[in-house]
Amino acid sequence: MKVLVIDTSNQPLLVALADEGQLVQSFLTDKPKNHSIDLLPAIQELLAKQGWALTDLDRIAIAKGPGSFTGLRIGVTVGKVLADTLKKPLLAISSLHALAKQVELAMRKDAEFVKQVSQANPHPGQLTENAVVLALFDARNDNVFAGAYLGETVVLEDGHYPLEEVLDLIDQVGEPVVVVGDGAHFTETIEEALANKPLVILDHDQSLPNGHGLAELAKTAEPVEDVANLTPSYLRKTQAELNWEKNHQGEAQDQPYVFKVQEEK
């Protein structure tokens, strides 16, 4: 099964090709977000390198969020257009779960990564397969997008939380903890809250998406049934939604914001 993998959740832009679950080509840039400019050329470049045509693809897998609102819209839109044009299944996968999964895979299969991280880790903990992987994205004002996983078990559902609430929950879990994503932004707070636990906080470079997590989750992900109406998983309201609700107080909130706006046109 040939899969195109796209992650535009945050500043890094990741595009990859997977064949039978294994990455065969990848493109990653961590420069300031130019996803709208770089995404399509990156897809074309990887397909050319692999000798595939767009029509050779069996599935399109996208990181659906949470993350940067603008970045997510770009990735989700491109994924939807490709899936619709090519008549291929679209897989929409949690950005947090994908990042946690790539760490889990590395802990099991990448001895060199484990060695490097363990040697550089200033905390009393090492990468182990029984660790809870906590994926964090900075949502500002001491809030985070977070999800935590222990193998196939979801320890913390993806959500928008106060950081303190997340750490209180994780502190109650008996296993060691590995923090990936923007954890380095909150090192002091995390260290204090989880002082009694074996702990690894991966740095920025160690937290860059590499496509392995998305490709792995794509093996079992269910295709999106209603591609046309798929929206990113923002996990919090956009500023546009907040402004709309402020100007429409007292009105029913039973539809997604995008459909409310369409009805007004």
Protein backbone atom coordinates (compact mmCIF):
# COMPACT_ATOMS: atom_id res chain seq x y z
CA MET A 1 0.00 0.00 0.00
CA LYS A 2 1.46 3.32 -1.12
CA VAL A 3 0.69 6.24 1.20
CA LEU A 4 1.38 9.96 0.98
CA VAL A 5 1.98 11.38 4.48
CA ILE A 6 1.50 15.10 5.23
CA ASP A 7 2.06 16.96 8.52
CA THR A 8 1.65 20.74 8.57
CA SER A 9 0.58 20.93 12.21
CA ASN A 10 3.30 23.29 13.37
CA GLN A 11 6.39 25.10 12.08
CA PRO A 12 8.03 21.95 10.68
CA LEU A 13 6.67 20.80 7.33
CA LEU A 14 6.81 17.05 6.81
CA VAL A 15 5.96 15.18 3.63
CA ALA A 16 6.76 11.49 3.24
CA LEU A 17 6.00 8.45 1.15
CA ALA A 18 5.41 5.06 2.73
CA ASP A 19 5.21 1.68 1.03
CA GLU A 20 3.70 -1.18 3.03
CA GLY A 21 4.11 0.89 6.19
CA GLN A 22 7.80 1.68 5.65
CA LEU A 23 9.04 5.17 4.76
CA VAL A 24 10.76 5.27 1.39
CA GLN A 25 11.09 9.05 0.94
CA SER A 26 10.76 12.04 3.26
CA PHE A 27 11.05 15.81 3.20
CA LEU A 28 11.33 17.94 6.34
CA THR A 29 11.93 21.64 6.75
CA ASP A 30 11.91 23.51 10.05
CA LYS A 31 12.11 27.01 8.66
CA PRO A 32 9.40 29.58 9.48
CA LYS A 33 6.06 28.44 8.12
CA ASN A 34 5.79 28.66 4.34
CA HIS A 35 3.62 25.59 4.05
CA SER A 36 1.38 27.12 1.40
CA ILE A 37 4.44 27.63 -0.82
CA ASP A 38 6.47 24.52 -0.01
CA LEU A 39 3.92 21.72 0.34
CA LEU A 40 2.97 20.96 -3.27
CA PRO A 41 6.55 21.20 -4.62
CA ALA A 42 7.68 18.85 -1.83
CA ILE A 43 5.03 16.31 -2.82
CA GLN A 44 6.06 16.52 -6.48
CA GLU A 45 9.75 16.18 -5.60
CA LEU A 46 9.26 13.05 -3.49
CA LEU A 47 7.04 11.37 -6.07
CA ALA A 48 9.64 12.05 -8.76
CA LYS A 49 12.44 10.64 -6.58
CA GLN A 50 10.45 7.49 -5.90
CA GLY A 51 9.27 7.13 -9.49
CA TRP A 52 5.62 7.23 -8.47
CA ALA A 53 2.78 9.10 -10.13
CA LEU A 54 0.01 10.63 -8.05
CA THR A 55 -2.29 7.94 -9.39
CA ASP A 56 -0.02 5.26 -7.89
CA LEU A 57 -0.98 6.37 -4.38
CA ASP A 58 -3.41 4.15 -2.48
CA ARG A 59 -4.12 6.50 0.43
CA ILE A 60 -3.51 10.03 1.68
CA ALA A 61 -2.66 10.39 5.39
CA ILE A 62 -2.76 13.82 7.01
CA ALA A 63 -2.09 15.11 10.52
CA LYS A 64 -5.49 16.58 11.40
CA GLY A 65 -4.44 18.55 14.47
CA PRO A 66 -4.18 20.05 16.92
CA GLY A 67 -1.54 22.62 16.10
CA SER A 68 -1.19 25.83 14.14
CA PHE A 69 -4.59 26.83 12.79
CA THR A 70 -3.13 28.13 9.52
CA GLY A 71 -0.82 25.16 9.05
CA LEU A 72 -3.62 22.68 9.71
CA ARG A 73 -5.93 24.33 7.21
CA ILE A 74 -3.26 24.06 4.50
CA GLY A 75 -2.51 20.40 5.12
CA VAL A 76 -6.12 19.34 5.52
CA THR A 77 -7.19 21.26 2.40
CA VAL A 78 -4.45 19.73 0.24
CA GLY A 79 -5.23 16.27 1.59
CA LYS A 80 -8.94 16.69 0.85
CA VAL A 81 -8.31 17.96 -2.69
CA LEU A 82 -5.93 15.11 -3.49
CA ALA A 83 -8.23 12.46 -2.03
CA ASP A 84 -11.22 13.83 -3.92
CA THR A 85 -9.36 14.29 -7.21
CA LEU A 86 -7.67 10.89 -7.10
CA LYS A 87 -10.68 9.13 -5.56
CA LYS A 88 -8.45 7.70 -2.85
CA PRO A 89 -9.21 7.16 0.86
CA LEU A 90 -8.21 10.01 3.19
CA LEU A 91 -6.84 9.21 6.65
CA ALA A 92 -7.02 11.98 9.26
CA ILE A 93 -4.72 11.21 12.20
CA SER A 94 -4.09 13.04 15.47
CA SER A 95 -0.92 15.14 15.30
CA LEU A 96 -0.25 14.40 18.98
CA HIS A 97 -0.75 10.65 18.59
CA ALA A 98 1.51 10.58 15.52
CA LEU A 99 4.32 12.30 17.43
CA ALA A 100 3.91 10.00 20.42
CA LYS A 101 3.85 6.95 18.15
CA GLN A 102 7.14 7.90 16.47
CA VAL A 103 8.77 8.10 19.93
CA GLU A 104 7.31 4.73 20.87
CA LEU A 105 8.68 3.21 17.66
CA ALA A 106 12.11 4.76 18.28
CA MET A 107 12.20 3.37 21.82
CA ARG A 108 11.56 -0.11 20.43
CA LYS A 109 13.60 -0.06 17.24
CA ASP A 110 16.21 2.73 17.21
CA ALA A 111 19.00 1.81 19.62
CA GLU A 112 21.18 4.74 18.54
CA PHE A 113 18.40 7.25 19.25
CA VAL A 114 17.80 5.70 22.67
CA LYS A 115 21.52 5.83 23.46
CA GLN A 116 21.93 9.47 22.41
CA VAL A 117 18.87 10.66 24.31
CA SER A 118 19.71 8.69 27.45
CA GLN A 119 23.28 9.97 27.54
CA ALA A 120 22.20 13.60 27.11
CA ASN A 121 19.26 13.40 29.50
CA PRO A 122 19.85 15.48 32.67
CA HIS A 123 16.87 13.89 34.42
CA PRO A 124 16.74 10.61 36.39
CA GLY A 125 15.15 8.59 33.61
CA GLN A 126 15.85 6.79 30.35
CA LEU A 127 13.87 5.84 27.27
CA THR A 128 12.10 2.57 28.00
CA GLU A 129 9.31 0.75 26.18
CA ASN A 130 7.04 0.91 29.23
CA ALA A 131 7.15 4.72 29.39
CA VAL A 132 4.10 6.93 29.02
CA VAL A 133 4.68 9.25 26.06
CA LEU A 134 3.24 12.71 26.70
CA ALA A 135 2.94 14.82 23.54
CA LEU A 136 2.64 18.57 24.17
CA PHE A 137 2.12 21.59 21.92
CA ASP A 138 2.35 25.06 23.45
CA ALA A 139 -1.11 26.69 23.33
CA ARG A 140 0.06 29.84 25.18
CA ASN A 141 -0.89 31.29 28.56
CA ASP A 142 0.28 28.12 30.36
CA ASN A 143 -2.13 26.02 28.31
CA VAL A 144 -1.19 23.11 26.08
CA PHE A 145 -2.59 20.76 23.50
CA ALA A 146 -1.79 17.40 25.02
CA GLY A 147 -2.28 13.68 24.62
CA ALA A 148 -0.59 10.82 26.47
CA TYR A 149 -0.19 7.22 25.39
CA LEU A 150 1.19 3.96 26.77
CA GLY A 151 1.44 1.64 23.81
CA GLU A 152 -2.11 1.24 22.53
CA THR A 153 -3.61 2.66 25.73
CA VAL A 154 -4.74 6.28 25.74
CA VAL A 155 -3.69 7.72 29.11
CA LEU A 156 -4.91 11.24 28.33
CA GLU A 157 -7.33 12.04 25.52
CA ASP A 158 -6.17 14.71 23.08
CA GLY A 159 -7.37 18.07 24.34
CA HIS A 160 -6.69 21.69 25.21
CA TYR A 161 -5.71 21.80 28.89
CA PRO A 162 -3.99 23.94 31.52
CA LEU A 163 -0.46 22.52 31.77
CA GLU A 164 -0.84 22.10 35.53
CA GLU A 165 -3.88 19.84 35.03
CA VAL A 166 -1.99 17.63 32.58
CA LEU A 167 1.01 17.24 34.88
CA ASP A 168 -1.20 16.46 37.89
CA LEU A 169 -2.75 13.59 35.95
CA ILE A 170 0.54 12.28 34.60
CA ASP A 171 2.06 12.39 38.10
CA GLN A 172 -0.53 9.82 39.18
CA VAL A 173 0.57 7.33 36.52
CA GLY A 174 3.06 4.77 37.79
CA GLU A 175 5.22 4.47 34.67
CA PRO A 176 8.23 6.56 33.57
CA VAL A 177 7.40 9.56 31.39
CA VAL A 178 8.81 10.77 28.07
CA VAL A 179 7.73 14.27 27.00
CA VAL A 180 7.84 15.11 23.28
CA GLY A 181 6.87 18.23 21.37
CA ASP A 182 7.11 21.58 23.11
CA GLY A 183 8.03 20.12 26.49
CA ALA A 184 11.34 21.99 26.47
CA HIS A 185 9.32 25.23 26.68
CA PHE A 186 8.16 24.13 30.14
CA THR A 187 11.20 22.26 31.44
CA GLU A 188 11.27 23.83 34.90
CA THR A 189 7.53 23.38 35.47
CA ILE A 190 7.59 19.76 34.27
CA GLU A 191 10.64 18.90 36.35
CA GLU A 192 9.03 20.30 39.48
CA ALA A 193 5.67 18.59 38.92
CA LEU A 194 7.19 15.20 38.03
CA ALA A 195 10.15 15.34 40.40
CA ASN A 196 9.51 11.84 41.76
CA LYS A 197 9.24 10.11 38.39
CA PRO A 198 11.81 8.82 35.89
CA LEU A 199 11.63 11.55 33.26
CA VAL A 200 12.92 12.31 29.77
CA ILE A 201 12.13 15.63 28.07
CA LEU A 202 13.01 15.48 24.39
CA ASP A 203 14.42 18.68 22.92
CA HIS A 204 13.24 20.49 19.80
CA ASP A 205 15.32 18.50 17.31
CA GLN A 206 14.39 15.19 18.93
CA SER A 207 10.72 16.19 18.67
CA LEU A 208 10.66 16.99 14.96
CA PRO A 209 8.12 14.86 13.08
CA ASN A 210 9.73 12.21 10.89
CA GLY A 211 6.70 10.49 9.37
CA HIS A 212 7.20 7.12 11.05
CA GLY A 213 4.39 7.70 13.53
CA LEU A 214 1.91 8.82 10.88
CA ALA A 215 2.86 5.93 8.59
CA GLU A 216 2.42 3.43 11.41
CA LEU A 217 -0.98 4.78 12.44
CA ALA A 218 -2.05 4.90 8.80
CA LYS A 219 -1.89 1.08 8.71
CA THR A 220 -4.99 0.79 10.86
CA ALA A 221 -6.70 4.19 10.54
CA GLU A 222 -10.26 4.23 9.22
CA PRO A 223 -10.80 6.39 6.11
CA VAL A 224 -12.73 9.62 6.51
CA GLU A 225 -16.33 8.97 5.46
CA ASP A 226 -17.31 12.55 4.63
CA VAL A 227 -14.19 14.09 3.10
CA ALA A 228 -15.94 17.23 1.87
CA ASN A 229 -16.96 18.24 5.39
CA LEU A 230 -13.73 17.28 7.19
CA THR A 231 -12.32 20.12 9.29
CA PRO A 232 -9.07 20.22 11.30
CA SER A 233 -9.12 19.16 14.95
CA TYR A 234 -8.32 22.53 16.45
CA LEU A 235 -9.37 21.40 19.96
CA ARG A 236 -10.13 24.99 20.85
CA LYS A 237 -12.15 27.75 19.24
CA THR A 238 -10.51 29.95 16.66
CA GLN A 239 -10.53 33.70 17.11
CA ALA A 240 -13.08 33.92 14.31
CA GLU A 241 -15.40 31.58 16.21
CA LEU A 242 -14.99 33.57 19.42
CA ASN A 243 -15.79 36.79 17.55
CA TRP A 244 -18.83 35.20 15.88
CA GLU A 245 -20.21 33.96 19.19
CA LYS A 246 -19.66 37.36 20.78
CA ASN A 247 -21.78 38.92 18.03
CA HIS A 248 -24.44 36.18 18.10
CA GLN A 249 -25.05 35.73 21.81
CA GLY A 250 -28.12 33.70 22.63
CA GLU A 251 -28.19 31.85 19.31
CA ALA A 252 -28.05 28.06 19.10
CA GLN A 253 -24.53 26.62 18.87
CA ASP A 254 -25.45 23.22 17.41
CA GLN A 255 -23.44 23.49 14.19
CA PRO A 256 -19.74 23.94 13.41
CA TYR A 257 -18.75 27.55 12.85
CA VAL A 258 -18.03 27.05 9.14
CA PHE A 259 -21.61 25.94 8.47
CA LYS A 260 -23.08 28.83 10.46
CA VAL A 261 -21.14 31.29 8.34
CA GLN A 262 -22.19 29.55 5.12
CA GLU A 263 -25.84 29.84 6.14
CA GLU A 264 -25.46 33.59 6.63
CA LYS A 265 -24.15 34.15 3.10
